[in-house]
């Protein structure tokens, strides 16, 4: 991986970029922001998650958002998270079918 001219995966630049991306994703999926996301945002987030190299990392982001929204109470973010999850699951299924056909 090359990040800001760095060629080693565990280089400080890689850690900084990873941390910044994780923070931005968590911010987007926070209870205070998630309800303002439109359909394109939700589709893009779902697509981003199924393109993660580490499936567990993608699922961790989704599950953390579900937990944070549930602490707020009511149905905060349920509609948005279900759409993100649907895109993620469909993308994972499509990706695995492509690998099987290769």
N, C-alpha and C. Protein backbone atom coordinates (compact mmCIF):
# COMPACT_ATOMS: atom_id res chain seq x y z
N UNK A 1 0.85 -1.19 0.00
CA UNK A 1 0.00 0.00 0.00
C UNK A 1 0.89 1.24 0.00
N UNK A 2 0.51 2.22 -0.77
CA UNK A 2 1.26 3.47 -0.79
C UNK A 2 0.35 4.57 -0.30
N UNK A 3 0.75 5.21 0.78
CA UNK A 3 -0.03 6.27 1.38
C UNK A 3 0.87 7.47 1.60
N UNK A 4 0.55 8.59 0.97
CA UNK A 4 1.36 9.79 1.09
C UNK A 4 2.83 9.51 0.81
N UNK A 5 3.12 8.66 -0.17
CA UNK A 5 4.50 8.36 -0.52
C UNK A 5 5.14 7.30 0.35
N UNK A 6 4.40 6.74 1.28
CA UNK A 6 4.94 5.71 2.18
C UNK A 6 4.64 4.35 1.57
N UNK A 7 5.60 3.45 1.61
CA UNK A 7 5.41 2.16 0.98
C UNK A 7 5.17 1.02 1.95
N UNK A 8 5.35 1.25 3.24
CA UNK A 8 5.15 0.17 4.21
C UNK A 8 3.79 0.26 4.85
N UNK A 9 3.13 -0.87 5.00
CA UNK A 9 1.77 -0.90 5.52
C UNK A 9 1.67 -0.37 6.95
N UNK A 10 2.65 -0.64 7.77
CA UNK A 10 2.58 -0.22 9.17
C UNK A 10 3.38 1.05 9.44
N UNK A 11 3.55 1.81 8.43
CA UNK A 11 4.23 3.10 8.54
C UNK A 11 3.29 4.08 9.25
N UNK A 12 3.81 5.07 9.97
CA UNK A 12 2.95 6.04 10.66
C UNK A 12 1.95 6.75 9.75
N UNK A 13 2.31 6.96 8.48
CA UNK A 13 1.36 7.58 7.54
C UNK A 13 0.13 6.71 7.33
N UNK A 14 0.36 5.40 7.25
CA UNK A 14 -0.75 4.46 7.08
C UNK A 14 -1.65 4.49 8.30
N UNK A 15 -1.06 4.50 9.48
CA UNK A 15 -1.84 4.54 10.72
C UNK A 15 -2.65 5.83 10.82
N UNK A 16 -2.04 6.94 10.42
CA UNK A 16 -2.73 8.23 10.46
C UNK A 16 -3.93 8.23 9.51
N UNK A 17 -3.73 7.76 8.29
CA UNK A 17 -4.82 7.72 7.30
C UNK A 17 -5.93 6.78 7.76
N UNK A 18 -5.57 5.62 8.27
CA UNK A 18 -6.55 4.66 8.76
C UNK A 18 -7.38 5.27 9.89
N UNK A 19 -6.71 5.93 10.80
CA UNK A 19 -7.40 6.56 11.92
C UNK A 19 -8.35 7.65 11.44
N UNK A 20 -7.92 8.45 10.49
CA UNK A 20 -8.76 9.53 9.96
C UNK A 20 -9.99 8.99 9.25
N UNK A 21 -9.82 7.92 8.48
CA UNK A 21 -10.95 7.30 7.79
C UNK A 21 -11.93 6.70 8.79
N UNK A 22 -11.41 5.98 9.77
CA UNK A 22 -12.27 5.39 10.81
C UNK A 22 -13.06 6.47 11.54
N UNK A 23 -12.41 7.57 11.87
CA UNK A 23 -13.08 8.66 12.56
C UNK A 23 -14.20 9.24 11.70
N UNK A 24 -13.94 9.45 10.42
CA UNK A 24 -14.96 10.03 9.52
C UNK A 24 -16.14 9.09 9.35
N UNK A 25 -15.89 7.81 9.21
CA UNK A 25 -16.98 6.84 9.08
C UNK A 25 -17.82 6.83 10.36
N UNK A 26 -17.17 6.80 11.52
CA UNK A 26 -17.90 6.81 12.79
C UNK A 26 -18.71 8.09 12.94
N UNK A 27 -18.17 9.20 12.48
CA UNK A 27 -18.89 10.47 12.53
C UNK A 27 -20.14 10.44 11.64
N UNK A 28 -19.99 9.90 10.43
CA UNK A 28 -21.14 9.80 9.52
C UNK A 28 -22.24 8.90 10.08
N UNK A 29 -21.84 7.83 10.77
CA UNK A 29 -22.80 6.86 11.29
C UNK A 29 -23.26 7.17 12.71
N UNK A 30 -22.91 8.33 13.22
CA UNK A 30 -23.33 8.70 14.57
C UNK A 30 -24.82 9.03 14.59
N UNK A 31 -25.47 8.85 15.73
CA UNK A 31 -26.91 9.15 15.83
C UNK A 31 -27.26 10.58 15.41
N UNK A 32 -26.36 11.51 15.66
CA UNK A 32 -26.67 12.91 15.31
C UNK A 32 -26.56 13.19 13.82
N UNK A 33 -25.85 12.36 13.06
CA UNK A 33 -25.67 12.59 11.63
C UNK A 33 -26.42 11.63 10.72
N UNK A 34 -26.65 10.43 11.18
CA UNK A 34 -27.13 9.38 10.28
C UNK A 34 -28.48 9.70 9.64
N UNK A 35 -29.34 10.37 10.38
CA UNK A 35 -30.67 10.66 9.82
C UNK A 35 -30.63 11.74 8.74
N UNK A 36 -29.53 12.47 8.63
CA UNK A 36 -29.42 13.50 7.59
C UNK A 36 -28.85 12.94 6.29
N UNK A 37 -28.43 11.69 6.28
CA UNK A 37 -27.85 11.10 5.07
C UNK A 37 -28.96 10.77 4.07
N UNK A 38 -28.71 11.09 2.81
CA UNK A 38 -29.71 10.77 1.78
C UNK A 38 -29.40 9.40 1.16
N UNK A 39 -30.20 9.00 0.21
CA UNK A 39 -30.07 7.68 -0.40
C UNK A 39 -28.72 7.43 -1.04
N UNK A 40 -28.16 8.45 -1.69
CA UNK A 40 -26.85 8.29 -2.32
C UNK A 40 -25.77 8.07 -1.27
N UNK A 41 -25.86 8.82 -0.17
CA UNK A 41 -24.89 8.62 0.92
C UNK A 41 -24.96 7.19 1.46
N UNK A 42 -26.18 6.72 1.68
CA UNK A 42 -26.37 5.38 2.24
C UNK A 42 -25.86 4.30 1.29
N UNK A 43 -26.17 4.46 0.00
CA UNK A 43 -25.70 3.52 -1.01
C UNK A 43 -24.17 3.52 -1.06
N UNK A 44 -23.58 4.70 -1.01
CA UNK A 44 -22.12 4.82 -1.05
C UNK A 44 -21.46 4.18 0.17
N UNK A 45 -22.04 4.39 1.35
CA UNK A 45 -21.49 3.77 2.56
C UNK A 45 -21.59 2.25 2.51
N UNK A 46 -22.74 1.75 2.09
CA UNK A 46 -22.90 0.30 1.96
C UNK A 46 -21.89 -0.28 0.98
N UNK A 47 -21.69 0.41 -0.14
CA UNK A 47 -20.73 -0.03 -1.15
C UNK A 47 -19.30 0.04 -0.60
N UNK A 48 -19.00 1.10 0.12
CA UNK A 48 -17.68 1.23 0.74
C UNK A 48 -17.41 0.05 1.67
N UNK A 49 -18.40 -0.30 2.48
CA UNK A 49 -18.22 -1.39 3.44
C UNK A 49 -17.97 -2.73 2.75
N UNK A 50 -18.69 -3.04 1.67
CA UNK A 50 -18.45 -4.35 1.06
C UNK A 50 -17.16 -4.37 0.26
N UNK A 51 -16.55 -3.23 0.04
CA UNK A 51 -15.26 -3.19 -0.63
C UNK A 51 -14.09 -3.20 0.35
N UNK A 52 -14.37 -3.17 1.65
CA UNK A 52 -13.31 -3.25 2.65
C UNK A 52 -12.55 -4.56 2.45
N UNK A 53 -11.25 -4.52 2.60
CA UNK A 53 -10.45 -5.74 2.53
C UNK A 53 -10.70 -6.63 3.74
N UNK A 54 -11.03 -6.01 4.86
CA UNK A 54 -11.28 -6.74 6.10
C UNK A 54 -12.78 -6.68 6.41
N UNK A 55 -13.46 -7.77 6.18
CA UNK A 55 -14.91 -7.84 6.38
C UNK A 55 -15.29 -7.55 7.84
N UNK A 56 -14.49 -8.04 8.78
CA UNK A 56 -14.78 -7.82 10.20
C UNK A 56 -14.74 -6.33 10.55
N UNK A 57 -13.83 -5.60 9.93
CA UNK A 57 -13.73 -4.16 10.17
C UNK A 57 -15.00 -3.44 9.67
N UNK A 58 -15.47 -3.82 8.51
CA UNK A 58 -16.70 -3.23 7.97
C UNK A 58 -17.89 -3.52 8.88
N UNK A 59 -18.01 -4.75 9.29
CA UNK A 59 -19.13 -5.14 10.16
C UNK A 59 -19.03 -4.47 11.52
N UNK A 60 -17.81 -4.24 12.01
CA UNK A 60 -17.63 -3.56 13.28
C UNK A 60 -18.18 -2.13 13.21
N UNK A 61 -17.92 -1.44 12.10
CA UNK A 61 -18.46 -0.08 11.95
C UNK A 61 -19.99 -0.08 11.98
N UNK A 62 -20.59 -1.01 11.26
CA UNK A 62 -22.05 -1.08 11.21
C UNK A 62 -22.62 -1.41 12.58
N UNK A 63 -22.05 -2.41 13.25
CA UNK A 63 -22.56 -2.82 14.56
C UNK A 63 -22.37 -1.72 15.61
N UNK A 64 -21.25 -1.02 15.57
CA UNK A 64 -21.05 0.08 16.52
C UNK A 64 -22.10 1.16 16.32
N UNK A 65 -22.45 1.42 15.07
CA UNK A 65 -23.47 2.44 14.81
C UNK A 65 -24.83 1.98 15.32
N UNK A 66 -25.14 0.72 15.13
CA UNK A 66 -26.41 0.18 15.64
C UNK A 66 -26.46 0.35 17.16
N UNK A 67 -25.38 0.02 17.82
CA UNK A 67 -25.33 0.14 19.29
C UNK A 67 -25.47 1.59 19.72
N UNK A 68 -24.72 2.50 19.09
CA UNK A 68 -24.80 3.92 19.45
C UNK A 68 -26.20 4.47 19.24
N UNK A 69 -26.82 4.11 18.12
CA UNK A 69 -28.18 4.59 17.85
C UNK A 69 -29.19 4.01 18.83
N UNK A 70 -28.98 2.76 19.26
CA UNK A 70 -29.92 2.15 20.20
C UNK A 70 -29.85 2.82 21.56
N UNK A 71 -28.69 3.34 21.92
CA UNK A 71 -28.56 4.06 23.20
C UNK A 71 -29.35 5.35 23.21
N UNK A 72 -29.52 5.95 22.04
CA UNK A 72 -30.28 7.20 21.93
C UNK A 72 -31.76 6.92 22.19
N UNK A 73 -32.20 5.75 21.78
CA UNK A 73 -33.59 5.35 22.00
C UNK A 73 -34.44 5.54 20.76
N UNK A 74 -35.59 4.96 20.79
CA UNK A 74 -36.51 5.07 19.67
C UNK A 74 -35.97 4.37 18.44
N UNK A 75 -36.29 4.94 17.30
CA UNK A 75 -35.89 4.33 16.04
C UNK A 75 -34.84 5.16 15.31
N UNK A 76 -34.01 5.87 16.06
CA UNK A 76 -32.98 6.72 15.46
C UNK A 76 -32.06 5.88 14.58
N UNK A 77 -31.99 6.24 13.32
CA UNK A 77 -31.06 5.60 12.40
C UNK A 77 -31.44 4.23 11.89
N UNK A 78 -32.56 3.66 12.34
CA UNK A 78 -32.92 2.29 11.95
C UNK A 78 -33.11 2.18 10.44
N UNK A 79 -33.84 3.11 9.86
CA UNK A 79 -34.09 3.07 8.42
C UNK A 79 -32.79 3.18 7.63
N UNK A 80 -31.95 4.13 8.02
CA UNK A 80 -30.69 4.35 7.32
C UNK A 80 -29.75 3.16 7.47
N UNK A 81 -29.64 2.64 8.67
CA UNK A 81 -28.74 1.51 8.90
C UNK A 81 -29.23 0.26 8.18
N UNK A 82 -30.54 0.07 8.09
CA UNK A 82 -31.05 -1.10 7.36
C UNK A 82 -30.72 -0.99 5.88
N UNK A 83 -30.75 0.22 5.33
CA UNK A 83 -30.38 0.40 3.91
C UNK A 83 -28.90 0.14 3.70
N UNK A 84 -28.06 0.66 4.59
CA UNK A 84 -26.61 0.42 4.48
C UNK A 84 -26.34 -1.07 4.57
N UNK A 85 -26.97 -1.74 5.51
CA UNK A 85 -26.78 -3.17 5.70
C UNK A 85 -27.25 -3.96 4.49
N UNK A 86 -28.37 -3.56 3.89
CA UNK A 86 -28.88 -4.25 2.70
C UNK A 86 -27.89 -4.13 1.53
N UNK A 87 -27.36 -2.95 1.32
CA UNK A 87 -26.38 -2.75 0.24
C UNK A 87 -25.12 -3.58 0.53
N UNK A 88 -24.69 -3.56 1.77
CA UNK A 88 -23.49 -4.32 2.17
C UNK A 88 -23.69 -5.82 1.91
N UNK A 89 -24.80 -6.37 2.35
CA UNK A 89 -25.06 -7.80 2.19
C UNK A 89 -25.18 -8.17 0.71
N UNK A 90 -25.91 -7.36 -0.06
CA UNK A 90 -26.03 -7.63 -1.51
C UNK A 90 -24.67 -7.55 -2.19
N UNK A 91 -23.87 -6.58 -1.80
CA UNK A 91 -22.53 -6.46 -2.38
C UNK A 91 -21.65 -7.64 -2.04
N UNK A 92 -21.72 -8.10 -0.80
CA UNK A 92 -20.93 -9.26 -0.38
C UNK A 92 -21.36 -10.50 -1.16
N UNK A 93 -22.66 -10.67 -1.34
CA UNK A 93 -23.18 -11.82 -2.08
C UNK A 93 -22.71 -11.77 -3.53
N UNK A 94 -22.83 -10.60 -4.13
CA UNK A 94 -22.41 -10.42 -5.53
C UNK A 94 -20.91 -10.66 -5.66
N UNK A 95 -20.10 -10.15 -4.73
CA UNK A 95 -18.65 -10.34 -4.76
C UNK A 95 -18.28 -11.80 -4.64
N UNK A 96 -18.95 -12.53 -3.74
CA UNK A 96 -18.63 -13.94 -3.57
C UNK A 96 -19.05 -14.76 -4.79
N UNK A 97 -20.15 -14.37 -5.44
CA UNK A 97 -20.57 -15.07 -6.66
C UNK A 97 -19.57 -14.85 -7.78
N UNK A 98 -19.04 -13.63 -7.88
CA UNK A 98 -18.03 -13.36 -8.90
C UNK A 98 -16.78 -14.18 -8.67
N UNK A 99 -16.37 -14.33 -7.41
CA UNK A 99 -15.19 -15.14 -7.11
C UNK A 99 -15.41 -16.60 -7.46
N UNK A 100 -16.62 -17.10 -7.20
CA UNK A 100 -16.94 -18.49 -7.51
C UNK A 100 -16.93 -18.73 -9.02
N UNK A 101 -17.35 -17.75 -9.80
CA UNK A 101 -17.42 -17.89 -11.25
C UNK A 101 -16.08 -17.66 -11.93
N UNK A 102 -15.09 -17.18 -11.17
CA UNK A 102 -13.76 -16.93 -11.76
C UNK A 102 -12.96 -18.19 -11.89
